[in-house]
């Protein structure tokens, strides 16, 4: 039996996209409230929402907070002081993995 590698890859890619809702070849914009649901925030942080987490930080908060505009050292310090994570990237990675888990259950 011959298997076409390109067809196989395309089928696997399509199955992953169908299962997770993520597009593999393009950016996926996920609202912070979906990435960091209340359950996640209550389990791993001192806060009930991602909005409360950002509002409690030592930076100026507008309507929409973009973590990329916050100095990394300040964000890491806030994360280490008020969550179970040592830094922002670990918190973000954990939230992303939990989102994938929720979408594939």
N, C-alpha and C. Protein backbone atom coordinates (compact mmCIF):
# COMPACT_ATOMS: atom_id res chain seq x y z
N UNK A 1 0.84 -1.17 0.00
CA UNK A 1 0.00 0.00 0.00
C UNK A 1 0.89 1.24 0.00
N UNK A 2 0.67 2.12 -0.96
CA UNK A 2 1.43 3.36 -1.06
C UNK A 2 0.69 4.48 -0.35
N UNK A 3 1.45 5.27 0.42
CA UNK A 3 0.87 6.42 1.12
C UNK A 3 1.49 7.68 0.55
N UNK A 4 0.68 8.58 0.11
CA UNK A 4 1.15 9.88 -0.37
C UNK A 4 1.46 10.75 0.84
N UNK A 5 2.75 11.11 1.01
CA UNK A 5 3.18 11.86 2.20
C UNK A 5 2.49 13.22 2.29
N UNK A 6 2.36 13.91 1.17
CA UNK A 6 1.72 15.23 1.20
C UNK A 6 0.25 15.13 1.58
N UNK A 7 -0.40 14.13 1.04
CA UNK A 7 -1.82 13.92 1.37
C UNK A 7 -1.97 13.54 2.85
N UNK A 8 -1.05 12.72 3.36
CA UNK A 8 -1.08 12.32 4.76
C UNK A 8 -0.87 13.54 5.66
N UNK A 9 0.15 14.36 5.35
CA UNK A 9 0.42 15.57 6.14
C UNK A 9 -0.78 16.51 6.12
N UNK A 10 -1.36 16.67 4.95
CA UNK A 10 -2.53 17.55 4.83
C UNK A 10 -3.69 17.03 5.67
N UNK A 11 -3.89 15.72 5.68
CA UNK A 11 -4.95 15.14 6.48
C UNK A 11 -4.72 15.30 7.97
N UNK A 12 -3.47 15.12 8.40
CA UNK A 12 -3.13 15.29 9.82
C UNK A 12 -3.33 16.75 10.22
N UNK A 13 -2.84 17.66 9.38
CA UNK A 13 -2.99 19.10 9.65
C UNK A 13 -4.47 19.46 9.78
N UNK A 14 -5.28 18.97 8.86
CA UNK A 14 -6.71 19.26 8.88
C UNK A 14 -7.37 18.69 10.12
N UNK A 15 -6.98 17.50 10.52
CA UNK A 15 -7.54 16.88 11.72
C UNK A 15 -7.20 17.70 12.96
N UNK A 16 -5.96 18.16 13.06
CA UNK A 16 -5.54 18.98 14.20
C UNK A 16 -6.33 20.28 14.22
N UNK A 17 -6.45 20.92 13.08
CA UNK A 17 -7.20 22.18 13.01
C UNK A 17 -8.67 21.97 13.37
N UNK A 18 -9.25 20.89 12.88
CA UNK A 18 -10.65 20.60 13.20
C UNK A 18 -10.84 20.33 14.69
N UNK A 19 -9.90 19.62 15.28
CA UNK A 19 -9.99 19.24 16.69
C UNK A 19 -9.79 20.41 17.63
N UNK A 20 -8.83 21.28 17.30
CA UNK A 20 -8.46 22.36 18.23
C UNK A 20 -9.10 23.70 17.91
N UNK A 21 -9.49 23.89 16.66
CA UNK A 21 -10.00 25.20 16.25
C UNK A 21 -8.90 26.18 15.91
N UNK A 22 -7.64 25.75 15.99
CA UNK A 22 -6.51 26.61 15.65
C UNK A 22 -6.12 26.40 14.19
N UNK A 23 -5.68 27.46 13.52
CA UNK A 23 -5.15 27.36 12.17
C UNK A 23 -3.64 27.27 12.29
N UNK A 24 -3.03 26.25 11.72
CA UNK A 24 -1.60 26.01 11.90
C UNK A 24 -0.72 26.90 11.03
N UNK A 25 -1.23 27.39 9.93
CA UNK A 25 -0.40 28.19 9.01
C UNK A 25 -0.70 29.68 9.09
N UNK A 26 -1.38 30.12 10.12
CA UNK A 26 -1.70 31.53 10.24
C UNK A 26 -1.80 31.91 11.72
N UNK A 27 -1.67 33.20 12.01
CA UNK A 27 -1.78 33.62 13.41
C UNK A 27 -3.17 33.31 13.97
N UNK A 28 -3.21 32.95 15.24
CA UNK A 28 -4.47 32.67 15.92
C UNK A 28 -4.63 33.69 17.03
N UNK A 29 -5.62 34.55 16.91
CA UNK A 29 -5.87 35.54 17.94
C UNK A 29 -6.87 34.97 18.94
N UNK A 30 -6.42 34.92 20.18
CA UNK A 30 -7.24 34.35 21.25
C UNK A 30 -7.44 35.43 22.30
N UNK A 31 -8.68 35.76 22.62
CA UNK A 31 -8.90 36.77 23.67
C UNK A 31 -8.31 36.31 25.00
N UNK A 32 -7.75 37.27 25.75
CA UNK A 32 -7.17 36.94 27.04
C UNK A 32 -8.17 36.25 27.95
N UNK A 33 -9.43 36.63 27.86
CA UNK A 33 -10.43 36.00 28.74
C UNK A 33 -10.63 34.53 28.40
N UNK A 34 -10.35 34.13 27.16
CA UNK A 34 -10.42 32.72 26.80
C UNK A 34 -9.12 32.00 27.18
N UNK A 35 -8.00 32.68 27.00
CA UNK A 35 -6.71 32.08 27.34
C UNK A 35 -6.55 31.95 28.86
N UNK A 36 -7.04 32.96 29.59
CA UNK A 36 -6.95 32.98 31.05
C UNK A 36 -8.35 33.04 31.67
N UNK A 37 -9.10 31.94 31.60
CA UNK A 37 -10.46 31.97 32.16
C UNK A 37 -10.40 32.13 33.69
N UNK A 38 -11.53 32.48 34.26
CA UNK A 38 -11.61 32.69 35.72
C UNK A 38 -11.10 31.49 36.50
N UNK A 39 -11.41 30.29 36.03
CA UNK A 39 -10.97 29.08 36.74
C UNK A 39 -9.44 29.01 36.80
N UNK A 40 -8.78 29.33 35.70
CA UNK A 40 -7.32 29.34 35.66
C UNK A 40 -6.77 30.38 36.62
N UNK A 41 -7.34 31.58 36.57
CA UNK A 41 -6.85 32.67 37.41
C UNK A 41 -7.05 32.34 38.89
N UNK A 42 -8.18 31.78 39.25
CA UNK A 42 -8.45 31.44 40.65
C UNK A 42 -7.55 30.30 41.13
N UNK A 43 -7.20 29.38 40.25
CA UNK A 43 -6.36 28.25 40.62
C UNK A 43 -4.90 28.64 40.81
N UNK A 44 -4.40 29.50 39.93
CA UNK A 44 -2.96 29.79 39.91
C UNK A 44 -2.56 31.18 40.38
N UNK A 45 -3.52 32.06 40.65
CA UNK A 45 -3.17 33.44 41.00
C UNK A 45 -3.98 33.93 42.19
N UNK A 46 -3.69 35.15 42.61
CA UNK A 46 -4.44 35.82 43.68
C UNK A 46 -5.68 36.52 43.13
N UNK A 47 -5.91 36.42 41.83
CA UNK A 47 -6.94 37.22 41.16
C UNK A 47 -8.07 36.36 40.61
N UNK A 48 -9.22 36.97 40.42
CA UNK A 48 -10.36 36.25 39.87
C UNK A 48 -10.47 36.42 38.35
N UNK A 49 -9.66 37.31 37.78
CA UNK A 49 -9.69 37.52 36.33
C UNK A 49 -8.36 38.05 35.85
N UNK A 50 -8.11 37.90 34.55
CA UNK A 50 -6.88 38.42 33.97
C UNK A 50 -6.90 39.95 34.02
N UNK A 51 -8.09 40.54 33.92
CA UNK A 51 -8.19 42.00 34.01
C UNK A 51 -7.72 42.49 35.38
N UNK A 52 -8.16 41.80 36.44
CA UNK A 52 -7.75 42.17 37.80
C UNK A 52 -6.24 42.01 37.98
N UNK A 53 -5.68 40.98 37.37
CA UNK A 53 -4.23 40.76 37.42
C UNK A 53 -3.49 41.96 36.83
N UNK A 54 -3.91 42.39 35.65
CA UNK A 54 -3.23 43.52 35.00
C UNK A 54 -3.48 44.83 35.74
N UNK A 55 -4.69 45.03 36.24
CA UNK A 55 -5.01 46.25 36.98
C UNK A 55 -4.18 46.37 38.25
N UNK A 56 -3.79 45.25 38.85
CA UNK A 56 -3.01 45.27 40.08
C UNK A 56 -1.52 45.50 39.84
N UNK A 57 -1.10 45.45 38.61
CA UNK A 57 0.32 45.62 38.29
C UNK A 57 0.79 47.06 38.44
N UNK A 58 2.10 47.26 38.49
CA UNK A 58 2.68 48.59 38.70
C UNK A 58 2.77 49.43 37.43
N UNK A 59 1.89 49.23 36.48
CA UNK A 59 1.92 49.97 35.22
C UNK A 59 0.57 50.61 34.98
N UNK A 60 0.53 51.53 34.05
CA UNK A 60 -0.71 52.22 33.68
C UNK A 60 -1.57 51.28 32.85
N UNK A 61 -2.84 51.13 33.21
CA UNK A 61 -3.74 50.22 32.50
C UNK A 61 -4.77 51.02 31.73
N UNK A 62 -4.86 50.73 30.42
CA UNK A 62 -5.91 51.30 29.58
C UNK A 62 -7.02 50.27 29.47
N UNK A 63 -7.94 50.49 28.55
CA UNK A 63 -9.03 49.52 28.35
C UNK A 63 -8.49 48.15 27.97
N UNK A 64 -7.56 48.10 27.04
CA UNK A 64 -6.98 46.84 26.58
C UNK A 64 -5.50 46.84 26.92
N UNK A 65 -5.07 45.87 27.69
CA UNK A 65 -3.67 45.75 28.06
C UNK A 65 -2.97 44.86 27.06
N UNK A 66 -1.85 45.34 26.56
CA UNK A 66 -1.00 44.53 25.68
C UNK A 66 0.27 44.21 26.45
N UNK A 67 0.43 42.95 26.87
CA UNK A 67 1.61 42.60 27.68
C UNK A 67 2.93 42.94 27.00
N UNK A 68 2.92 43.01 25.67
CA UNK A 68 4.16 43.34 24.96
C UNK A 68 4.60 44.77 25.22
N UNK A 69 3.70 45.63 25.71
CA UNK A 69 4.07 47.01 26.00
C UNK A 69 4.58 47.17 27.43
N UNK A 70 4.46 46.14 28.24
CA UNK A 70 4.91 46.17 29.63
C UNK A 70 6.35 45.69 29.67
N UNK A 71 7.23 46.41 30.35
CA UNK A 71 8.61 45.92 30.47
C UNK A 71 8.64 44.50 31.04
N UNK A 72 9.39 43.63 30.40
CA UNK A 72 9.42 42.21 30.77
C UNK A 72 9.78 42.01 32.24
N UNK A 73 10.71 42.78 32.73
CA UNK A 73 11.13 42.63 34.14
C UNK A 73 9.97 42.95 35.09
N UNK A 74 9.19 44.00 34.79
CA UNK A 74 8.04 44.35 35.63
C UNK A 74 6.99 43.25 35.59
N UNK A 75 6.74 42.73 34.40
CA UNK A 75 5.72 41.69 34.25
C UNK A 75 6.16 40.41 34.98
N UNK A 76 7.42 40.03 34.82
CA UNK A 76 7.93 38.84 35.51
C UNK A 76 7.87 39.01 37.03
N UNK A 77 8.19 40.20 37.53
CA UNK A 77 8.15 40.46 38.97
C UNK A 77 6.73 40.34 39.50
N UNK A 78 5.77 40.91 38.76
CA UNK A 78 4.36 40.84 39.16
C UNK A 78 3.86 39.39 39.15
N UNK A 79 4.24 38.65 38.12
CA UNK A 79 3.83 37.24 38.03
C UNK A 79 4.42 36.44 39.20
N UNK A 80 5.70 36.62 39.46
CA UNK A 80 6.35 35.86 40.53
C UNK A 80 5.76 36.19 41.91
N UNK A 81 5.36 37.44 42.10
CA UNK A 81 4.83 37.87 43.40
C UNK A 81 3.36 37.49 43.62
N UNK A 82 2.61 37.31 42.55
CA UNK A 82 1.16 37.15 42.73
C UNK A 82 0.56 35.91 42.08
N UNK A 83 1.42 35.02 41.57
CA UNK A 83 0.91 33.79 40.95
C UNK A 83 1.78 32.62 41.38
N UNK A 84 1.43 31.43 40.92
CA UNK A 84 2.23 30.24 41.18
C UNK A 84 3.35 30.06 40.16
N UNK A 85 3.52 31.04 39.27
CA UNK A 85 4.50 30.94 38.19
C UNK A 85 5.72 31.81 38.47
N UNK A 86 6.89 31.39 37.99
CA UNK A 86 8.09 32.19 38.23
C UNK A 86 8.23 33.39 37.29
N UNK A 87 7.55 33.35 36.15
CA UNK A 87 7.65 34.44 35.17
C UNK A 87 6.48 34.37 34.19
N UNK A 88 6.30 35.45 33.42
CA UNK A 88 5.20 35.59 32.49
C UNK A 88 5.18 34.48 31.44
N UNK A 89 6.32 34.15 30.85
CA UNK A 89 6.34 33.16 29.78
C UNK A 89 5.83 31.81 30.26
N UNK A 90 6.15 31.42 31.48
CA UNK A 90 5.68 30.15 32.03
C UNK A 90 4.16 30.21 32.24
N UNK A 91 3.67 31.34 32.74
CA UNK A 91 2.23 31.51 32.92
C UNK A 91 1.51 31.43 31.57
N UNK A 92 2.05 32.11 30.58
CA UNK A 92 1.46 32.13 29.24
C UNK A 92 1.49 30.73 28.62
N UNK A 93 2.61 30.04 28.72
CA UNK A 93 2.71 28.68 28.17
C UNK A 93 1.73 27.73 28.84
N UNK A 94 1.58 27.84 30.16
CA UNK A 94 0.65 26.98 30.89
C UNK A 94 -0.78 27.26 30.46
N UNK A 95 -1.12 28.53 30.33
CA UNK A 95 -2.48 28.90 29.90
C UNK A 95 -2.75 28.37 28.49
N UNK A 96 -1.76 28.46 27.60
CA UNK A 96 -1.94 27.97 26.23
C UNK A 96 -2.15 26.46 26.22
N UNK A 97 -1.38 25.74 27.03
CA UNK A 97 -1.55 24.29 27.09
C UNK A 97 -2.93 23.92 27.65
N UNK A 98 -3.38 24.64 28.67
CA UNK A 98 -4.71 24.38 29.24
C UNK A 98 -5.81 24.66 28.21
N UNK A 99 -5.61 25.69 27.38
CA UNK A 99 -6.59 26.01 26.34
C UNK A 99 -6.65 24.88 25.32
N UNK A 100 -5.50 24.39 24.91
CA UNK A 100 -5.47 23.26 23.96
C UNK A 100 -6.16 22.05 24.58
N UNK A 101 -5.87 21.80 25.85
CA UNK A 101 -6.51 20.66 26.54
C UNK A 101 -8.03 20.82 26.55
N UNK A 102 -8.51 22.05 26.85
CA UNK A 102 -9.97 22.27 26.88
C UNK A 102 -10.58 22.07 25.51
N UNK A 103 -9.89 22.51 24.47
CA UNK A 103 -10.45 22.41 23.12
C UNK A 103 -10.41 21.00 22.56
N UNK A 104 -9.57 20.15 23.12
CA UNK A 104 -9.46 18.80 22.55
C UNK A 104 -10.15 17.75 23.42
N UNK A 105 -10.82 18.15 24.46
CA UNK A 105 -11.53 17.19 25.31
C UNK A 105 -12.86 16.84 24.73
